[in-house]
Amino acid sequence: MNAPRPTTTASCTITICADYINSCGLMYGGCYPACKGLPTPTFVPPPCPTTTTTTTRATAVATTTSACQIICVDAVNECGIKYGGCYCSNLPFPYPKPPCPTSTTTTKVSATATPGPKKCGGLAGFRCPRGQICIDDPKSPCGIAVDCLGICVVEEFCGGFAGFQCSKKTDVCIDDPRDDCNPKKGGADCGGLCIPKSWAK
């Protein structure tokens, strides 16, 4: 079993800054890495300045001792999250290092819109691609017979006496505008054409 690798100052993420006050009110101390396995430095209080005077009576400075010397630590973990606080210097570091947040990726599922139909006919006489036919646009009150624009569709028969269904579930069967049979005007078992539902009225 391999011995644990010693902690180095370069890999330590905890820094303690200790501030002390000597009996004369002078501050001293410093910052040091405070990870397990690293030595804790000892800060020597500075000497009090000596004053010599013949006209001023020396005043004794009362030394205040406390069982708890407060130090404040500001630490940063490997994810850049700050933590720490103030505590008694004679106690272990009480603030645990916070865990790094786990990143979750949310995949958005967007519906694919059905592209609009290719226009045909009109005054310019636009032609449909090979394998498609030009019919009246179901959403327009004007037909290709009077030079209005129509739409290009793949000719797939539906309806009729046999009640043929469209091969695509997203298609609907509309009346074929090229014949004289109209189910809305008393026609029975009229044949139709399959077009995407979004193209119909």
N, C-alpha and C. Protein backbone atom coordinates (compact mmCIF):
# COMPACT_ATOMS: atom_id res chain seq x y z
N MET A 1 0.85 -1.20 0.00
CA MET A 1 0.00 0.00 0.00
C MET A 1 0.88 1.24 0.00
N ASN A 2 0.64 2.11 -0.94
CA ASN A 2 1.46 3.31 -1.07
C ASN A 2 1.09 4.33 -0.01
N ALA A 3 2.09 5.00 0.49
CA ALA A 3 1.86 6.06 1.48
C ALA A 3 1.22 7.26 0.81
N PRO A 4 0.33 8.00 1.50
CA PRO A 4 -0.32 9.18 0.90
C PRO A 4 0.71 10.24 0.55
N ARG A 5 0.47 10.88 -0.59
CA ARG A 5 1.39 11.92 -1.03
C ARG A 5 1.27 13.13 -0.11
N PRO A 6 2.38 13.70 0.30
CA PRO A 6 2.31 14.88 1.19
C PRO A 6 1.69 16.07 0.49
N THR A 7 0.97 16.86 1.26
CA THR A 7 0.35 18.07 0.70
C THR A 7 1.41 19.15 0.53
N THR A 8 1.37 19.80 -0.61
CA THR A 8 2.31 20.89 -0.88
C THR A 8 1.57 22.21 -0.82
N THR A 9 2.32 23.27 -0.65
CA THR A 9 1.69 24.60 -0.60
C THR A 9 1.04 24.96 -1.92
N ALA A 10 1.55 24.39 -3.02
CA ALA A 10 0.97 24.72 -4.32
C ALA A 10 -0.40 24.09 -4.50
N SER A 11 -0.65 22.92 -3.86
CA SER A 11 -1.93 22.24 -4.01
C SER A 11 -2.93 22.59 -2.93
N CYS A 12 -2.53 23.37 -1.94
CA CYS A 12 -3.42 23.71 -0.83
C CYS A 12 -4.37 24.83 -1.25
N THR A 13 -5.66 24.64 -0.98
CA THR A 13 -6.67 25.65 -1.36
C THR A 13 -7.19 26.43 -0.16
N ILE A 14 -6.67 26.14 1.03
CA ILE A 14 -7.13 26.85 2.24
C ILE A 14 -6.03 27.80 2.71
N THR A 15 -6.38 29.05 2.84
CA THR A 15 -5.44 30.05 3.34
C THR A 15 -6.02 30.70 4.58
N ILE A 16 -5.20 30.75 5.63
CA ILE A 16 -5.61 31.39 6.88
C ILE A 16 -4.80 32.67 7.06
N CYS A 17 -5.50 33.74 7.34
CA CYS A 17 -4.84 35.00 7.66
C CYS A 17 -5.10 35.30 9.14
N ALA A 18 -4.06 35.26 9.94
CA ALA A 18 -4.17 35.45 11.39
C ALA A 18 -3.70 36.85 11.76
N ASP A 19 -4.53 37.55 12.49
CA ASP A 19 -4.20 38.89 12.97
C ASP A 19 -4.17 38.87 14.50
N TYR A 20 -3.03 39.29 15.08
CA TYR A 20 -2.87 39.33 16.53
C TYR A 20 -2.52 40.76 16.97
N ILE A 21 -2.68 41.02 18.25
CA ILE A 21 -2.33 42.32 18.84
C ILE A 21 -1.49 42.05 20.08
N ASN A 22 -0.31 42.68 20.13
CA ASN A 22 0.55 42.47 21.31
C ASN A 22 0.09 43.34 22.48
N SER A 23 0.83 43.30 23.56
CA SER A 23 0.42 44.02 24.77
C SER A 23 0.46 45.53 24.61
N CYS A 24 1.15 46.00 23.55
CA CYS A 24 1.22 47.45 23.32
C CYS A 24 0.20 47.92 22.30
N GLY A 25 -0.64 47.00 21.82
CA GLY A 25 -1.64 47.40 20.83
C GLY A 25 -1.14 47.33 19.41
N LEU A 26 0.06 46.76 19.17
CA LEU A 26 0.59 46.63 17.82
C LEU A 26 0.07 45.34 17.19
N MET A 27 -0.34 45.46 15.94
CA MET A 27 -0.85 44.28 15.22
C MET A 27 0.30 43.53 14.57
N TYR A 28 0.14 42.21 14.49
CA TYR A 28 1.12 41.38 13.79
C TYR A 28 0.42 40.10 13.34
N GLY A 29 1.09 39.31 12.55
CA GLY A 29 0.52 38.07 12.02
C GLY A 29 0.82 37.94 10.54
N GLY A 30 -0.01 37.17 9.84
CA GLY A 30 0.19 36.96 8.41
C GLY A 30 -0.69 35.83 7.90
N CYS A 31 -0.57 35.52 6.62
CA CYS A 31 -1.37 34.48 5.97
C CYS A 31 -0.49 33.27 5.67
N TYR A 32 -1.10 32.09 5.72
CA TYR A 32 -0.33 30.86 5.46
C TYR A 32 -1.28 29.77 4.96
N PRO A 33 -0.77 28.80 4.17
CA PRO A 33 -1.60 27.68 3.74
C PRO A 33 -1.91 26.78 4.92
N ALA A 34 -3.17 26.37 5.05
CA ALA A 34 -3.60 25.66 6.25
C ALA A 34 -4.18 24.29 5.96
N CYS A 35 -3.63 23.57 4.96
CA CYS A 35 -4.11 22.23 4.67
C CYS A 35 -3.47 21.24 5.63
N LYS A 36 -4.10 20.07 5.74
CA LYS A 36 -3.60 19.02 6.62
C LYS A 36 -2.23 18.55 6.13
N GLY A 37 -1.30 18.45 7.05
CA GLY A 37 0.04 18.00 6.70
C GLY A 37 1.05 19.12 6.56
N LEU A 38 0.58 20.36 6.50
CA LEU A 38 1.48 21.49 6.39
C LEU A 38 1.71 22.09 7.78
N PRO A 39 2.90 22.56 8.06
CA PRO A 39 3.19 23.12 9.39
C PRO A 39 2.47 24.46 9.59
N THR A 40 2.09 24.73 10.82
CA THR A 40 1.47 26.01 11.17
C THR A 40 2.55 26.95 11.68
N PRO A 41 2.74 28.08 11.02
CA PRO A 41 3.81 28.98 11.44
C PRO A 41 3.48 29.66 12.77
N THR A 42 4.52 30.07 13.45
CA THR A 42 4.38 30.80 14.71
C THR A 42 4.79 32.25 14.47
N PHE A 43 3.89 33.15 14.78
CA PHE A 43 4.16 34.57 14.57
C PHE A 43 4.64 35.18 15.90
N VAL A 44 5.80 35.80 15.85
CA VAL A 44 6.41 36.39 17.04
C VAL A 44 5.91 37.82 17.20
N PRO A 45 5.36 38.15 18.36
CA PRO A 45 4.88 39.53 18.55
C PRO A 45 6.04 40.51 18.53
N PRO A 46 5.84 41.68 17.95
CA PRO A 46 6.91 42.68 17.93
C PRO A 46 7.12 43.26 19.32
N PRO A 47 8.34 43.71 19.59
CA PRO A 47 8.60 44.29 20.92
C PRO A 47 7.92 45.65 21.06
N CYS A 48 7.58 45.96 22.28
CA CYS A 48 6.97 47.27 22.54
C CYS A 48 8.06 48.34 22.48
N PRO A 49 7.75 49.48 21.89
CA PRO A 49 8.75 50.56 21.84
C PRO A 49 9.04 51.11 23.25
N THR A 50 10.30 51.40 23.50
CA THR A 50 10.69 51.97 24.81
C THR A 50 10.81 53.48 24.68
N THR A 51 10.22 54.18 25.63
CA THR A 51 10.28 55.65 25.64
C THR A 51 10.98 56.10 26.91
N THR A 52 11.89 57.05 26.76
CA THR A 52 12.62 57.60 27.92
C THR A 52 12.26 59.07 28.07
N THR A 53 11.74 59.42 29.23
CA THR A 53 11.38 60.82 29.48
C THR A 53 11.56 61.12 30.96
N THR A 54 11.90 62.35 31.24
CA THR A 54 12.08 62.77 32.64
C THR A 54 10.94 63.61 33.13
N THR A 55 10.09 64.05 32.18
CA THR A 55 9.01 64.95 32.59
C THR A 55 7.66 64.25 32.60
N THR A 56 7.57 63.11 31.90
CA THR A 56 6.29 62.42 31.82
C THR A 56 6.32 61.18 32.67
N ARG A 57 5.29 61.01 33.43
CA ARG A 57 5.21 59.84 34.30
C ARG A 57 4.77 58.63 33.47
N ALA A 58 5.48 57.56 33.64
CA ALA A 58 5.17 56.35 32.87
C ALA A 58 3.84 55.79 33.33
N THR A 59 3.03 55.38 32.33
CA THR A 59 1.73 54.79 32.63
C THR A 59 1.77 53.32 32.25
N ALA A 60 1.40 52.48 33.14
CA ALA A 60 1.41 51.04 32.86
C ALA A 60 0.26 50.71 31.92
N VAL A 61 0.54 49.89 30.92
CA VAL A 61 -0.47 49.44 29.96
C VAL A 61 -0.98 48.09 30.40
N ALA A 62 -2.25 48.03 30.61
CA ALA A 62 -2.84 46.77 31.07
C ALA A 62 -2.84 45.78 29.92
N THR A 63 -2.39 44.58 30.19
CA THR A 63 -2.36 43.51 29.19
C THR A 63 -3.66 42.72 29.28
N THR A 64 -4.35 42.67 28.18
CA THR A 64 -5.61 41.94 28.14
C THR A 64 -5.38 40.60 27.46
N THR A 65 -5.65 39.56 28.17
CA THR A 65 -5.49 38.22 27.60
C THR A 65 -6.87 37.63 27.40
N SER A 66 -7.00 36.86 26.36
CA SER A 66 -8.28 36.22 26.05
C SER A 66 -8.02 34.76 25.72
N ALA A 67 -8.92 33.91 26.14
CA ALA A 67 -8.78 32.48 25.84
C ALA A 67 -9.07 32.19 24.38
N CYS A 68 -9.70 33.11 23.69
CA CYS A 68 -10.07 32.88 22.29
C CYS A 68 -9.58 34.05 21.45
N GLN A 69 -8.63 33.76 20.59
CA GLN A 69 -8.18 34.76 19.62
C GLN A 69 -8.90 34.47 18.30
N ILE A 70 -9.65 35.44 17.83
CA ILE A 70 -10.47 35.26 16.64
C ILE A 70 -9.62 35.47 15.39
N ILE A 71 -9.72 34.52 14.47
CA ILE A 71 -9.11 34.69 13.15
C ILE A 71 -10.21 34.47 12.11
N CYS A 72 -10.07 35.14 10.99
CA CYS A 72 -11.06 35.05 9.91
C CYS A 72 -10.38 34.48 8.67
N VAL A 73 -11.00 33.50 8.07
CA VAL A 73 -10.43 32.79 6.93
C VAL A 73 -11.37 32.93 5.74
N ASP A 74 -10.83 33.34 4.61
CA ASP A 74 -11.56 33.37 3.34
C ASP A 74 -10.88 32.37 2.42
N ALA A 75 -11.55 31.24 2.16
CA ALA A 75 -10.98 30.18 1.33
C ALA A 75 -11.79 30.04 0.05
N VAL A 76 -11.18 29.44 -0.97
CA VAL A 76 -11.82 29.21 -2.27
C VAL A 76 -11.54 27.78 -2.68
N ASN A 77 -12.60 27.02 -3.03
CA ASN A 77 -12.37 25.65 -3.46
C ASN A 77 -11.96 25.60 -4.93
N GLU A 78 -11.77 24.39 -5.47
CA GLU A 78 -11.25 24.25 -6.84
C GLU A 78 -12.24 24.71 -7.90
N CYS A 79 -13.52 24.93 -7.52
CA CYS A 79 -14.52 25.41 -8.48
C CYS A 79 -14.72 26.92 -8.39
N GLY A 80 -13.94 27.57 -7.53
CA GLY A 80 -14.07 29.02 -7.40
C GLY A 80 -15.13 29.47 -6.42
N ILE A 81 -15.68 28.53 -5.62
CA ILE A 81 -16.70 28.89 -4.64
C ILE A 81 -16.02 29.32 -3.34
N LYS A 82 -16.40 30.50 -2.85
CA LYS A 82 -15.80 31.01 -1.62
C LYS A 82 -16.49 30.40 -0.40
N TYR A 83 -15.71 30.18 0.65
CA TYR A 83 -16.26 29.70 1.91
C TYR A 83 -15.32 30.09 3.03
N GLY A 84 -15.76 29.92 4.26
CA GLY A 84 -14.94 30.27 5.42
C GLY A 84 -15.69 31.17 6.37
N GLY A 85 -14.95 31.77 7.28
CA GLY A 85 -15.55 32.63 8.28
C GLY A 85 -14.58 32.85 9.44
N CYS A 86 -15.08 33.35 10.54
CA CYS A 86 -14.25 33.64 11.70
C CYS A 86 -14.46 32.58 12.78
N TYR A 87 -13.38 32.24 13.49
CA TYR A 87 -13.46 31.24 14.55
C TYR A 87 -12.27 31.41 15.48
N CYS A 88 -12.30 30.71 16.61
CA CYS A 88 -11.20 30.77 17.58
C CYS A 88 -9.97 30.07 17.01
N SER A 89 -8.83 30.69 17.16
CA SER A 89 -7.60 30.16 16.58
C SER A 89 -7.15 28.85 17.23
N ASN A 90 -7.62 28.57 18.44
CA ASN A 90 -7.21 27.33 19.10
C ASN A 90 -8.12 26.16 18.76
N LEU A 91 -9.04 26.36 17.81
CA LEU A 91 -9.94 25.30 17.37
C LEU A 91 -9.63 24.92 15.93
N PRO A 92 -9.99 23.69 15.51
CA PRO A 92 -9.78 23.30 14.11
C PRO A 92 -10.64 24.15 13.17
N PHE A 93 -10.22 24.19 11.92
CA PHE A 93 -10.97 24.95 10.91
C PHE A 93 -12.37 24.33 10.78
N PRO A 94 -13.44 25.08 11.13
CA PRO A 94 -14.77 24.46 11.23
C PRO A 94 -15.60 24.51 9.95
N TYR A 95 -15.08 25.09 8.90
CA TYR A 95 -15.90 25.29 7.71
C TYR A 95 -15.54 24.26 6.64
N PRO A 96 -16.43 23.33 6.33
CA PRO A 96 -16.12 22.31 5.32
C PRO A 96 -16.10 22.92 3.92
N LYS A 97 -15.29 22.32 3.07
CA LYS A 97 -15.20 22.80 1.69
C LYS A 97 -16.47 22.41 0.94
N PRO A 98 -17.17 23.35 0.30
CA PRO A 98 -18.42 23.01 -0.41
C PRO A 98 -18.13 22.20 -1.66
N PRO A 99 -19.03 21.27 -2.01
CA PRO A 99 -18.82 20.48 -3.23
C PRO A 99 -19.05 21.31 -4.48
N CYS A 100 -18.43 20.89 -5.56
CA CYS A 100 -18.63 21.56 -6.84
C CYS A 100 -20.00 21.17 -7.39
N PRO A 101 -20.74 22.09 -7.99
CA PRO A 101 -22.05 21.75 -8.53
C PRO A 101 -21.92 20.83 -9.73
N THR A 102 -22.88 19.92 -9.86
CA THR A 102 -22.90 19.03 -11.02
C THR A 102 -23.70 19.69 -12.11
N SER A 103 -23.13 19.74 -13.31
CA SER A 103 -23.79 20.39 -14.44
C SER A 103 -24.68 19.37 -15.13
N THR A 104 -25.94 19.77 -15.38
CA THR A 104 -26.88 18.92 -16.10
C THR A 104 -27.26 19.60 -17.40
N THR A 105 -27.28 18.83 -18.46
CA THR A 105 -27.61 19.35 -19.78
C THR A 105 -29.03 18.97 -20.13
N THR A 106 -29.85 19.97 -20.41
CA THR A 106 -31.23 19.74 -20.80
C THR A 106 -31.36 19.86 -22.30
N THR A 107 -31.83 18.80 -22.90
CA THR A 107 -32.00 18.79 -24.36
C THR A 107 -33.41 19.19 -24.70
N LYS A 108 -33.54 20.25 -25.46
CA LYS A 108 -34.85 20.72 -25.88
C LYS A 108 -35.27 19.99 -27.16
N VAL A 109 -36.47 19.46 -27.14
CA VAL A 109 -37.01 18.79 -28.31
C VAL A 109 -37.96 19.76 -28.99
N SER A 110 -37.58 20.19 -30.17
CA SER A 110 -38.41 21.14 -30.90
C SER A 110 -39.12 20.43 -32.03
N ALA A 111 -40.37 20.78 -32.19
CA ALA A 111 -41.16 20.17 -33.25
C ALA A 111 -40.70 20.71 -34.60
N THR A 112 -40.60 19.80 -35.56
CA THR A 112 -40.19 20.19 -36.91
C THR A 112 -41.41 20.67 -37.68
N ALA A 113 -41.39 21.92 -38.09
CA ALA A 113 -42.53 22.48 -38.81
C ALA A 113 -42.56 21.96 -40.23
N THR A 114 -43.77 21.68 -40.72
CA THR A 114 -43.93 21.24 -42.10
C THR A 114 -43.74 22.44 -43.02
N PRO A 115 -42.80 22.33 -43.97
CA PRO A 115 -42.59 23.46 -44.87
C PRO A 115 -43.84 23.74 -45.70
N GLY A 116 -44.01 25.00 -46.06
CA GLY A 116 -45.18 25.37 -46.84
C GLY A 116 -45.10 24.83 -48.26
N PRO A 117 -46.24 24.80 -48.93
CA PRO A 117 -46.26 24.24 -50.30
C PRO A 117 -45.59 25.17 -51.30
N LYS A 118 -45.09 24.58 -52.36
CA LYS A 118 -44.51 25.37 -53.45
C LYS A 118 -45.66 25.93 -54.29
N LYS A 119 -45.56 27.20 -54.62
CA LYS A 119 -46.61 27.86 -55.38
C LYS A 119 -46.46 27.54 -56.87
N CYS A 120 -47.59 27.58 -57.55
CA CYS A 120 -47.57 27.31 -58.99
C CYS A 120 -48.68 28.12 -59.67
N GLY A 121 -48.69 28.09 -61.00
CA GLY A 121 -49.72 28.80 -61.75
C GLY A 121 -49.53 30.30 -61.70
N GLY A 122 -50.66 31.02 -61.58
CA GLY A 122 -50.59 32.46 -61.56
C GLY A 122 -50.34 33.05 -62.94
N LEU A 123 -50.22 34.36 -62.98
CA LEU A 123 -49.97 35.03 -64.26
C LEU A 123 -48.64 34.62 -64.86
N ALA A 124 -47.67 34.28 -63.99
CA ALA A 124 -46.35 33.90 -64.49
C ALA A 124 -46.31 32.45 -64.94
N GLY A 125 -47.35 31.67 -64.63
CA GLY A 125 -47.39 30.28 -65.04
C GLY A 125 -46.31 29.42 -64.40
N PHE A 126 -46.10 29.56 -63.09
CA PHE A 126 -45.07 28.76 -62.41
C PHE A 126 -45.39 27.28 -62.51
N ARG A 127 -44.37 26.48 -62.77
CA ARG A 127 -44.54 25.04 -62.92
C ARG A 127 -44.12 24.31 -61.65
N CYS A 128 -44.73 23.15 -61.45
CA CYS A 128 -44.37 22.32 -60.30
C CYS A 128 -43.19 21.42 -60.65
N PRO A 129 -42.46 20.94 -59.64
CA PRO A 129 -41.38 19.98 -59.91
C PRO A 129 -41.94 18.69 -60.51
N ARG A 130 -41.07 17.92 -61.13
CA ARG A 130 -41.49 16.67 -61.74
C ARG A 130 -42.10 15.74 -60.68
N GLY A 131 -43.21 15.13 -61.00
CA GLY A 131 -43.88 14.23 -60.07
C GLY A 131 -44.94 14.90 -59.23
N GLN A 132 -45.14 16.23 -59.40
CA GLN A 132 -46.17 16.94 -58.65
C GLN A 132 -47.13 17.62 -59.62
N ILE A 133 -48.33 17.92 -59.12
CA ILE A 133 -49.34 18.59 -59.94
C ILE A 133 -49.74 19.89 -59.26
N CYS A 134 -50.31 20.80 -60.03
CA CYS A 134 -50.74 22.11 -59.53
C CYS A 134 -52.25 22.08 -59.32
N ILE A 135 -52.68 22.38 -58.08
CA ILE A 135 -54.11 22.42 -57.77
C ILE A 135 -54.43 23.75 -57.11
N ASP A 136 -55.73 24.05 -57.00
CA ASP A 136 -56.15 25.27 -56.31
C ASP A 136 -55.69 25.24 -54.86
N ASP A 137 -55.28 26.39 -54.36
CA ASP A 137 -54.88 26.50 -52.95
C ASP A 137 -56.13 26.44 -52.09
N PRO A 138 -56.26 25.41 -51.19
CA PRO A 138 -57.48 25.31 -50.37
C PRO A 138 -57.70 26.53 -49.47
N LYS A 139 -56.65 27.29 -49.18
CA LYS A 139 -56.78 28.45 -48.30
C LYS A 139 -57.09 29.74 -49.06
N SER A 140 -57.19 29.64 -50.39
CA SER A 140 -57.44 30.84 -51.19
C SER A 140 -58.80 30.71 -51.87
N PRO A 141 -59.59 31.80 -51.88
CA PRO A 141 -60.90 31.75 -52.56
C PRO A 141 -60.76 31.83 -54.08
N CYS A 142 -59.55 32.07 -54.54
CA CYS A 142 -59.30 32.25 -55.98
C CYS A 142 -58.59 31.02 -56.53
N GLY A 143 -59.01 30.53 -57.69
CA GLY A 143 -58.43 29.32 -58.27
C GLY A 143 -57.44 29.60 -59.38
N ILE A 144 -56.74 28.53 -59.79
CA ILE A 144 -55.73 28.68 -60.85
C ILE A 144 -56.38 28.93 -62.21
N ALA A 145 -57.69 28.64 -62.32
CA ALA A 145 -58.37 28.86 -63.59
C ALA A 145 -58.46 30.34 -63.93
N VAL A 146 -58.38 31.20 -62.89
CA VAL A 146 -58.43 32.65 -63.13
C VAL A 146 -57.08 33.28 -62.80
N ASP A 147 -56.02 32.51 -63.05
CA ASP A 147 -54.63 32.98 -62.91
C ASP A 147 -54.23 33.33 -61.47
N CYS A 148 -54.89 32.70 -60.49
CA CYS A 148 -54.42 32.83 -59.11
C CYS A 148 -53.39 31.74 -58.84
N LEU A 149 -52.56 31.96 -57.85
CA LEU A 149 -51.54 30.98 -57.52
C LEU A 149 -52.16 29.75 -56.88
N GLY A 150 -51.66 28.57 -57.28
CA GLY A 150 -52.07 27.32 -56.67
C GLY A 150 -50.91 26.73 -55.88
N ILE A 151 -51.05 25.47 -55.50
CA ILE A 151 -49.98 24.79 -54.76
C ILE A 151 -49.63 23.48 -55.46
N CYS A 152 -48.38 23.08 -55.30
CA CYS A 152 -47.89 21.84 -55.89
C CYS A 152 -48.03 20.71 -54.88
N VAL A 153 -48.65 19.60 -55.30
CA VAL A 153 -48.81 18.44 -54.43
C VAL A 153 -48.45 17.19 -55.20
N VAL A 154 -48.05 16.15 -54.44
CA VAL A 154 -47.85 14.83 -55.05
C VAL A 154 -49.23 14.21 -55.24
N GLU A 155 -49.51 13.74 -56.43
CA GLU A 155 -50.85 13.22 -56.72
C GLU A 155 -51.03 11.86 -56.05
N GLU A 156 -51.76 11.86 -54.93
CA GLU A 156 -52.10 10.62 -54.21
C GLU A 156 -53.60 10.60 -54.00
N PHE A 157 -54.25 9.61 -54.58
CA PHE A 157 -55.71 9.52 -54.52
C PHE A 157 -56.15 9.04 -53.14
N CYS A 158 -57.28 9.59 -52.69
CA CYS A 158 -57.85 9.16 -51.41
C CYS A 158 -59.36 9.25 -51.50
N GLY A 159 -60.04 8.68 -50.49
CA GLY A 159 -61.49 8.74 -50.46
C GLY A 159 -62.11 7.81 -51.50
N GLY A 160 -63.14 8.29 -52.19
CA GLY A 160 -63.82 7.48 -53.20
C GLY A 160 -64.69 6.40 -52.59
N PHE A 161 -65.19 5.47 -53.44
CA PHE A 161 -66.06 4.39 -52.97
C PHE A 161 -65.34 3.50 -51.96
N ALA A 162 -64.05 3.27 -52.19
CA ALA A 162 -63.29 2.37 -51.30
C ALA A 162 -62.81 3.06 -50.03
N GLY A 163 -62.93 4.37 -49.97
CA GLY A 163 -62.49 5.11 -48.78
C GLY A 163 -61.00 5.01 -48.52
N PHE A 164 -60.20 5.19 -49.56
CA PHE A 164 -58.75 5.09 -49.41
C PHE A 164 -58.22 6.14 -48.42
N GLN A 165 -57.30 5.71 -47.58
CA GLN A 165 -56.68 6.60 -46.61
C GLN A 165 -55.35 7.13 -47.16
N CYS A 166 -54.93 8.28 -46.70
CA CYS A 166 -53.63 8.82 -47.10
C CYS A 166 -52.52 7.98 -46.47
N SER A 167 -51.42 7.84 -47.19
CA SER A 167 -50.31 7.01 -46.70
C SER A 167 -49.62 7.64 -45.50
N LYS A 168 -49.64 8.96 -45.38
CA LYS A 168 -49.02 9.65 -44.25
C LYS A 168 -50.10 10.05 -43.25
N LYS A 169 -49.85 9.78 -41.97
CA LYS A 169 -50.82 10.12 -40.94
C LYS A 169 -50.97 11.63 -40.76
N THR A 170 -49.96 12.38 -41.22
CA THR A 170 -50.02 13.84 -41.09
C THR A 170 -50.76 14.50 -42.25
N ASP A 171 -51.21 13.69 -43.22
CA ASP A 171 -51.93 14.23 -44.38
C ASP A 171 -53.43 14.11 -44.17
N VAL A 172 -54.17 14.95 -44.86
CA VAL A 172 -55.63 14.89 -44.87
C VAL A 172 -56.10 14.78 -46.31
N CYS A 173 -57.29 14.24 -46.47
CA CYS A 173 -57.86 14.06 -47.81
C CYS A 173 -58.79 15.23 -48.10
N ILE A 174 -58.48 15.99 -49.15
CA ILE A 174 -59.33 17.12 -49.54
C ILE A 174 -60.00 16.81 -50.88
N ASP A 175 -61.04 17.52 -51.18
CA ASP A 175 -61.74 17.34 -52.45
C ASP A 175 -60.82 17.72 -53.60
N ASP A 176 -60.82 16.91 -54.64
CA ASP A 176 -60.00 17.19 -55.82
C ASP A 176 -60.67 18.33 -56.60
N PRO A 177 -60.02 19.50 -56.65
CA PRO A 177 -60.67 20.64 -57.32
C PRO A 177 -60.73 20.49 -58.84
N ARG A 178 -60.12 19.43 -59.38
CA ARG A 178 -60.08 19.29 -60.84
C ARG A 178 -61.31 18.58 -61.39
N ASP A 179 -62.12 17.93 -60.50
CA ASP A 179 -63.31 17.24 -61.01
C ASP A 179 -64.57 18.02 -60.65
N ASP A 180 -65.71 17.52 -61.14
CA ASP A 180 -66.99 18.19 -60.90
C ASP A 180 -67.71 17.63 -59.68
N CYS A 181 -67.10 16.65 -59.01
CA CYS A 181 -67.73 16.04 -57.84
C CYS A 181 -67.30 16.79 -56.59
N ASN A 182 -68.30 17.33 -55.88
CA ASN A 182 -68.01 18.10 -54.68
C ASN A 182 -68.89 17.57 -53.55
N PRO A 183 -68.27 16.96 -52.51
CA PRO A 183 -69.09 16.42 -51.41
C PRO A 183 -69.87 17.49 -50.67
N LYS A 184 -69.46 18.74 -50.75
CA LYS A 184 -70.18 19.82 -50.08
C LYS A 184 -71.40 20.27 -50.87
N LYS A 185 -71.51 19.76 -52.11
CA LYS A 185 -72.65 20.15 -52.96
C LYS A 185 -73.42 18.92 -53.41
N GLY A 186 -73.55 17.96 -52.52
CA GLY A 186 -74.38 16.79 -52.80
C GLY A 186 -73.65 15.63 -53.42
N GLY A 187 -72.37 15.74 -53.71
CA GLY A 187 -71.63 14.64 -54.31
C GLY A 187 -71.40 13.53 -53.31
N ALA A 188 -71.47 12.29 -53.77
CA ALA A 188 -71.26 11.14 -52.88
C ALA A 188 -70.03 10.38 -53.33
N ASP A 189 -69.24 9.96 -52.34
CA ASP A 189 -68.04 9.15 -52.60
C ASP A 189 -67.11 9.80 -53.60
N CYS A 190 -66.91 11.10 -53.45
CA CYS A 190 -65.99 11.80 -54.34
C CYS A 190 -64.55 11.44 -53.99
N GLY A 191 -63.74 11.31 -55.00
CA GLY A 191 -62.32 11.08 -54.77
C GLY A 191 -61.62 12.38 -54.40
N GLY A 192 -60.53 12.28 -53.68
CA GLY A 192 -59.81 13.47 -53.27
C GLY A 192 -58.31 13.32 -53.43
N LEU A 193 -57.58 14.29 -52.89
CA LEU A 193 -56.12 14.30 -52.93
C LEU A 193 -55.58 14.46 -51.51
N CYS A 194 -54.43 13.86 -51.27
CA CYS A 194 -53.79 13.95 -49.96
C CYS A 194 -52.83 15.15 -49.92
N ILE A 195 -52.98 15.99 -48.90
CA ILE A 195 -52.05 17.10 -48.69
C ILE A 195 -51.75 17.19 -47.19
N PRO A 196 -50.62 17.80 -46.80
CA PRO A 196 -50.35 17.99 -45.37
C PRO A 196 -51.47 18.77 -44.69
N LYS A 197 -51.77 18.40 -43.44
CA LYS A 197 -52.88 19.00 -42.71
C LYS A 197 -52.73 20.52 -42.60
N SER A 198 -51.46 20.99 -42.47
CA SER A 198 -51.25 22.44 -42.31
C SER A 198 -51.53 23.21 -43.59
N TRP A 199 -51.60 22.51 -44.73
CA TRP A 199 -51.88 23.18 -46.00
C TRP A 199 -53.37 23.32 -46.24
N ALA A 200 -54.18 22.52 -45.53
CA ALA A 200 -55.62 22.55 -45.75
C ALA A 200 -56.22 23.73 -45.01
N LYS A 201 -57.51 23.95 -45.20
CA LYS A 201 -58.19 25.06 -44.53
C LYS A 201 -58.26 24.82 -43.04
